Amino acid sequence: MKVGRVEWYSEKRGFGILSSRANDGALDKFYVHVTKIIKSPEKIEFGQCAEFEVGASPRRPGDLPMAVNVTITEVSQTTEVLQ
C-alpha cells in the first residue's frame, strides 16, 4: 500500500493525479479514476491524503501507472512525508 496525496483532481471529468515519494526521494505520479476510489470525502481536493495500490496503466505504454483501491481522507497527513 502506498501513501501519497492528491496533486490534482477534476470532479467534472472524474479523474486526477496522485503523488507519492519513492524510496530514492523522487516524486512518483499515478493516474486515478473515479471508479478506482473506494472511499473519499464529498469533495476531493489538492493535498488530501491518499492510500492506494498500484495497478497497470489501462492505456498506452508510457502512461502513468494507475492507482487502484484508493482511499482519500479529509485531512492530509502526508504533507511532511512528501515535502
N, C-alpha and C. Protein backbone atom coordinates (compact mmCIF):
# COMPACT_ATOMS: atom_id res chain seq x y z
N MET A 1 0.84 -1.18 0.00
CA MET A 1 0.00 0.00 0.00
C MET A 1 0.89 1.24 0.00
N LYS A 2 0.64 2.16 -0.93
CA LYS A 2 1.38 3.42 -0.99
C LYS A 2 0.59 4.51 -0.28
N VAL A 3 1.31 5.49 0.21
CA VAL A 3 0.71 6.66 0.83
C VAL A 3 1.17 7.87 0.05
N GLY A 4 0.24 8.75 -0.26
CA GLY A 4 0.58 9.94 -1.01
C GLY A 4 -0.45 11.03 -0.79
N ARG A 5 -0.58 11.90 -1.80
CA ARG A 5 -1.57 12.96 -1.70
C ARG A 5 -2.14 13.29 -3.08
N VAL A 6 -3.26 13.99 -3.05
CA VAL A 6 -3.91 14.41 -4.28
C VAL A 6 -3.13 15.61 -4.84
N GLU A 7 -2.65 15.49 -6.07
CA GLU A 7 -1.97 16.59 -6.75
C GLU A 7 -2.98 17.41 -7.54
N TRP A 8 -3.93 16.72 -8.16
CA TRP A 8 -4.94 17.37 -8.99
C TRP A 8 -6.10 16.39 -9.16
N TYR A 9 -7.33 16.91 -9.16
CA TYR A 9 -8.49 16.06 -9.40
C TYR A 9 -9.61 16.90 -9.98
N SER A 10 -10.26 16.40 -11.03
CA SER A 10 -11.40 17.06 -11.65
C SER A 10 -12.66 16.27 -11.34
N GLU A 11 -13.52 16.84 -10.52
CA GLU A 11 -14.80 16.20 -10.21
C GLU A 11 -15.62 16.04 -11.49
N LYS A 12 -15.58 17.05 -12.34
CA LYS A 12 -16.36 17.04 -13.58
C LYS A 12 -15.92 15.92 -14.52
N ARG A 13 -14.61 15.72 -14.64
CA ARG A 13 -14.08 14.70 -15.56
C ARG A 13 -13.91 13.33 -14.90
N GLY A 14 -13.86 13.28 -13.56
CA GLY A 14 -13.79 12.01 -12.86
C GLY A 14 -12.41 11.36 -12.80
N PHE A 15 -11.36 12.16 -12.94
CA PHE A 15 -10.02 11.60 -12.80
C PHE A 15 -9.06 12.66 -12.30
N GLY A 16 -7.85 12.19 -11.93
CA GLY A 16 -6.84 13.12 -11.43
C GLY A 16 -5.49 12.44 -11.30
N ILE A 17 -4.61 13.09 -10.53
CA ILE A 17 -3.24 12.63 -10.33
C ILE A 17 -2.94 12.57 -8.84
N LEU A 18 -2.37 11.46 -8.41
CA LEU A 18 -1.87 11.31 -7.04
C LEU A 18 -0.36 11.29 -7.09
N SER A 19 0.29 11.71 -6.01
CA SER A 19 1.76 11.66 -5.95
C SER A 19 2.18 10.95 -4.67
N SER A 20 3.34 10.32 -4.73
CA SER A 20 3.90 9.59 -3.60
C SER A 20 5.42 9.62 -3.71
N ARG A 21 6.09 9.71 -2.58
CA ARG A 21 7.57 9.70 -2.58
C ARG A 21 8.06 8.28 -2.76
N ALA A 22 9.01 8.11 -3.69
CA ALA A 22 9.65 6.81 -3.92
C ALA A 22 10.78 6.64 -2.88
N ASN A 23 11.33 5.45 -2.81
CA ASN A 23 12.43 5.17 -1.87
C ASN A 23 13.64 6.06 -2.10
N ASP A 24 13.87 6.47 -3.35
CA ASP A 24 15.02 7.32 -3.66
C ASP A 24 14.72 8.81 -3.47
N GLY A 25 13.52 9.13 -2.99
CA GLY A 25 13.16 10.52 -2.74
C GLY A 25 12.46 11.21 -3.89
N ALA A 26 12.41 10.56 -5.06
CA ALA A 26 11.73 11.15 -6.22
C ALA A 26 10.23 11.14 -6.00
N LEU A 27 9.55 12.04 -6.65
CA LEU A 27 8.10 12.12 -6.55
C LEU A 27 7.47 11.34 -7.69
N ASP A 28 6.81 10.24 -7.37
CA ASP A 28 6.13 9.42 -8.39
C ASP A 28 4.70 9.90 -8.54
N LYS A 29 4.19 9.84 -9.76
CA LYS A 29 2.82 10.28 -10.06
C LYS A 29 2.00 9.09 -10.55
N PHE A 30 0.71 9.09 -10.18
CA PHE A 30 -0.19 8.00 -10.51
C PHE A 30 -1.53 8.56 -10.98
N TYR A 31 -2.06 7.97 -12.03
CA TYR A 31 -3.38 8.33 -12.56
C TYR A 31 -4.43 7.70 -11.66
N VAL A 32 -5.49 8.45 -11.34
CA VAL A 32 -6.59 7.88 -10.56
C VAL A 32 -7.91 8.21 -11.26
N HIS A 33 -8.75 7.20 -11.39
CA HIS A 33 -10.08 7.37 -11.99
C HIS A 33 -11.12 7.18 -10.90
N VAL A 34 -12.23 7.87 -11.02
CA VAL A 34 -13.28 7.81 -10.01
C VAL A 34 -13.73 6.37 -9.72
N THR A 35 -13.67 5.48 -10.70
CA THR A 35 -14.09 4.09 -10.49
C THR A 35 -13.12 3.30 -9.62
N LYS A 36 -11.91 3.83 -9.39
CA LYS A 36 -10.91 3.14 -8.58
C LYS A 36 -10.86 3.65 -7.14
N ILE A 37 -11.72 4.64 -6.83
CA ILE A 37 -11.76 5.20 -5.48
C ILE A 37 -12.81 4.45 -4.68
N ILE A 38 -12.38 3.83 -3.57
CA ILE A 38 -13.31 3.04 -2.77
C ILE A 38 -13.85 3.83 -1.58
N LYS A 39 -13.13 4.89 -1.17
CA LYS A 39 -13.60 5.71 -0.06
C LYS A 39 -13.03 7.11 -0.21
N SER A 40 -13.89 8.12 -0.09
CA SER A 40 -13.42 9.51 -0.18
C SER A 40 -14.43 10.44 0.48
N PRO A 41 -13.98 11.66 0.81
CA PRO A 41 -14.93 12.67 1.28
C PRO A 41 -15.79 13.14 0.10
N GLU A 42 -16.77 14.01 0.38
CA GLU A 42 -17.64 14.51 -0.69
C GLU A 42 -16.86 15.22 -1.78
N LYS A 43 -15.85 15.98 -1.41
CA LYS A 43 -15.07 16.74 -2.38
C LYS A 43 -13.61 16.32 -2.28
N ILE A 44 -13.00 16.03 -3.43
CA ILE A 44 -11.59 15.65 -3.48
C ILE A 44 -10.80 16.88 -3.90
N GLU A 45 -9.78 17.24 -3.09
CA GLU A 45 -9.02 18.47 -3.33
C GLU A 45 -7.53 18.24 -3.18
N PHE A 46 -6.75 19.19 -3.71
CA PHE A 46 -5.30 19.18 -3.60
C PHE A 46 -4.87 19.01 -2.14
N GLY A 47 -3.87 18.15 -1.93
CA GLY A 47 -3.26 17.98 -0.62
C GLY A 47 -3.89 16.94 0.27
N GLN A 48 -5.05 16.41 -0.10
CA GLN A 48 -5.66 15.39 0.74
C GLN A 48 -4.83 14.11 0.72
N CYS A 49 -4.85 13.39 1.81
CA CYS A 49 -4.11 12.14 1.95
C CYS A 49 -4.76 11.05 1.10
N ALA A 50 -3.92 10.22 0.48
CA ALA A 50 -4.41 9.11 -0.34
C ALA A 50 -3.61 7.86 -0.03
N GLU A 51 -4.30 6.77 0.19
CA GLU A 51 -3.68 5.45 0.32
C GLU A 51 -4.17 4.64 -0.86
N PHE A 52 -3.25 3.93 -1.53
CA PHE A 52 -3.64 3.22 -2.74
C PHE A 52 -2.65 2.12 -3.08
N GLU A 53 -3.09 1.25 -3.99
CA GLU A 53 -2.24 0.22 -4.56
C GLU A 53 -1.97 0.63 -6.00
N VAL A 54 -0.93 0.07 -6.58
CA VAL A 54 -0.56 0.42 -7.95
C VAL A 54 -0.98 -0.69 -8.90
N GLY A 55 -1.68 -0.31 -9.95
CA GLY A 55 -2.09 -1.24 -10.99
C GLY A 55 -1.44 -0.84 -12.30
N ALA A 56 -1.64 -1.64 -13.32
CA ALA A 56 -1.08 -1.34 -14.64
C ALA A 56 -1.89 -0.23 -15.31
N SER A 57 -1.24 0.54 -16.15
CA SER A 57 -1.92 1.58 -16.91
C SER A 57 -2.84 0.92 -17.92
N PRO A 58 -4.08 1.38 -18.03
CA PRO A 58 -5.02 0.75 -18.95
C PRO A 58 -4.86 1.22 -20.40
N ARG A 59 -3.95 2.13 -20.64
CA ARG A 59 -3.82 2.71 -21.98
C ARG A 59 -2.51 2.31 -22.63
N ARG A 60 -1.78 3.29 -23.10
CA ARG A 60 -0.55 3.05 -23.85
C ARG A 60 0.66 2.89 -22.93
N PRO A 61 1.69 2.19 -23.38
CA PRO A 61 2.94 2.15 -22.63
C PRO A 61 3.46 3.58 -22.47
N GLY A 62 3.99 3.89 -21.32
CA GLY A 62 4.49 5.24 -21.06
C GLY A 62 3.50 6.10 -20.30
N ASP A 63 2.22 5.70 -20.27
CA ASP A 63 1.24 6.42 -19.47
C ASP A 63 1.55 6.23 -17.99
N LEU A 64 1.00 7.10 -17.16
CA LEU A 64 1.20 6.96 -15.72
C LEU A 64 0.60 5.64 -15.22
N PRO A 65 1.21 5.04 -14.21
CA PRO A 65 0.60 3.86 -13.60
C PRO A 65 -0.74 4.23 -12.97
N MET A 66 -1.63 3.29 -12.90
CA MET A 66 -2.97 3.50 -12.35
C MET A 66 -2.98 3.24 -10.84
N ALA A 67 -3.58 4.15 -10.09
CA ALA A 67 -3.82 3.94 -8.66
C ALA A 67 -5.15 3.20 -8.54
N VAL A 68 -5.17 2.11 -7.77
CA VAL A 68 -6.39 1.33 -7.57
C VAL A 68 -6.63 1.16 -6.08
N ASN A 69 -7.85 0.78 -5.72
CA ASN A 69 -8.23 0.61 -4.31
C ASN A 69 -7.83 1.84 -3.50
N VAL A 70 -8.25 3.00 -3.99
CA VAL A 70 -7.85 4.29 -3.43
C VAL A 70 -8.77 4.70 -2.29
N THR A 71 -8.17 5.13 -1.18
CA THR A 71 -8.89 5.73 -0.07
C THR A 71 -8.34 7.13 0.11
N ILE A 72 -9.22 8.13 0.07
CA ILE A 72 -8.82 9.52 0.25
C ILE A 72 -9.48 10.03 1.53
N THR A 73 -8.66 10.68 2.38
CA THR A 73 -9.20 11.20 3.64
C THR A 73 -9.32 12.71 3.58
N GLU A 74 -10.09 13.24 4.49
CA GLU A 74 -10.40 14.67 4.53
C GLU A 74 -9.16 15.53 4.75
N VAL A 75 -8.29 15.12 5.65
CA VAL A 75 -7.13 15.94 6.02
C VAL A 75 -5.86 15.26 5.58
N SER A 76 -4.94 16.01 4.98
CA SER A 76 -3.67 15.46 4.55
C SER A 76 -2.79 15.18 5.74
N GLN A 77 -2.39 13.93 5.90
CA GLN A 77 -1.48 13.54 6.96
C GLN A 77 -0.12 13.21 6.38
N THR A 78 0.05 13.44 5.08
CA THR A 78 1.30 13.07 4.41
C THR A 78 2.13 14.27 3.99
N THR A 79 1.71 15.47 4.36
CA THR A 79 2.42 16.67 3.91
C THR A 79 3.88 16.62 4.29
N GLU A 80 4.18 16.23 5.52
CA GLU A 80 5.57 16.18 5.97
C GLU A 80 6.36 15.13 5.19
N VAL A 81 5.75 14.01 4.90
CA VAL A 81 6.40 12.92 4.19
C VAL A 81 6.76 13.34 2.77
N LEU A 82 5.89 14.12 2.13
CA LEU A 82 6.05 14.45 0.72
C LEU A 82 6.90 15.69 0.47
N GLN A 83 7.19 16.48 1.48
CA GLN A 83 7.97 17.70 1.26
C GLN A 83 9.44 17.43 1.29
